[in-house]
Protein backbone atom coordinates (compact mmCIF):
# COMPACT_ATOMS: atom_id res chain seq x y z
CA MET A 1 12.32 7.57 -4.55
CA ASP A 2 13.11 8.47 -7.74
CA GLN A 3 10.62 11.87 -8.49
CA THR A 4 12.75 13.63 -11.35
CA GLU A 5 9.73 13.04 -14.34
CA ASN A 6 6.09 13.54 -13.62
CA PRO A 7 6.81 13.70 -9.45
CA ASN A 8 2.89 13.74 -9.18
CA LYS A 9 1.86 11.10 -11.71
CA LYS A 10 4.67 8.99 -10.96
CA ASP A 11 4.96 9.36 -7.13
CA ARG A 12 0.73 8.58 -7.45
CA GLU A 13 1.48 4.96 -9.14
CA GLU A 14 4.35 4.09 -6.64
CA GLN A 15 2.06 4.58 -4.23
CA GLU A 16 -1.13 2.84 -5.31
CA ASP A 17 1.64 -0.35 -6.32
CA PHE A 18 2.99 -0.31 -2.78
CA TRP A 19 -0.20 -0.05 -0.73
CA LEU A 20 -1.09 -2.85 -3.63
CA THR A 21 2.11 -4.64 -2.87
CA LEU A 22 2.17 -4.07 1.40
CA GLU A 23 -1.75 -5.01 1.22
CA PRO A 24 -3.52 -6.81 -1.27
CA LEU A 25 -6.85 -7.30 0.40
CA PRO A 26 -8.75 -4.25 0.65
CA ALA A 27 -9.16 -4.50 4.48
CA PRO A 28 -8.31 -7.10 7.01
CA ALA A 29 -10.54 -10.11 8.40
CA PRO A 30 -12.41 -8.44 10.93
CA GLU A 31 -13.05 -11.57 13.25
CA LYS A 32 -9.20 -11.13 13.93
CA PRO A 33 -9.51 -7.39 16.00
CA SER A 34 -5.81 -7.57 17.38
CA ALA A 35 -4.04 -9.81 15.18
CA PRO A 36 -0.56 -11.09 16.49
CA HIS A 37 1.13 -9.44 13.87
CA GLU A 38 0.51 -7.19 10.78
CA GLU A 39 0.89 -9.10 7.53
């Protein structure tokens, strides 16, 4: 994590981008209460 310039702003943007990449959907399908592997 590079937090040399504007740590708050950068961290915030990095977190948003990170979560967007990790979970592109707002929430997992409710029809899958327990998936064999979390995507």
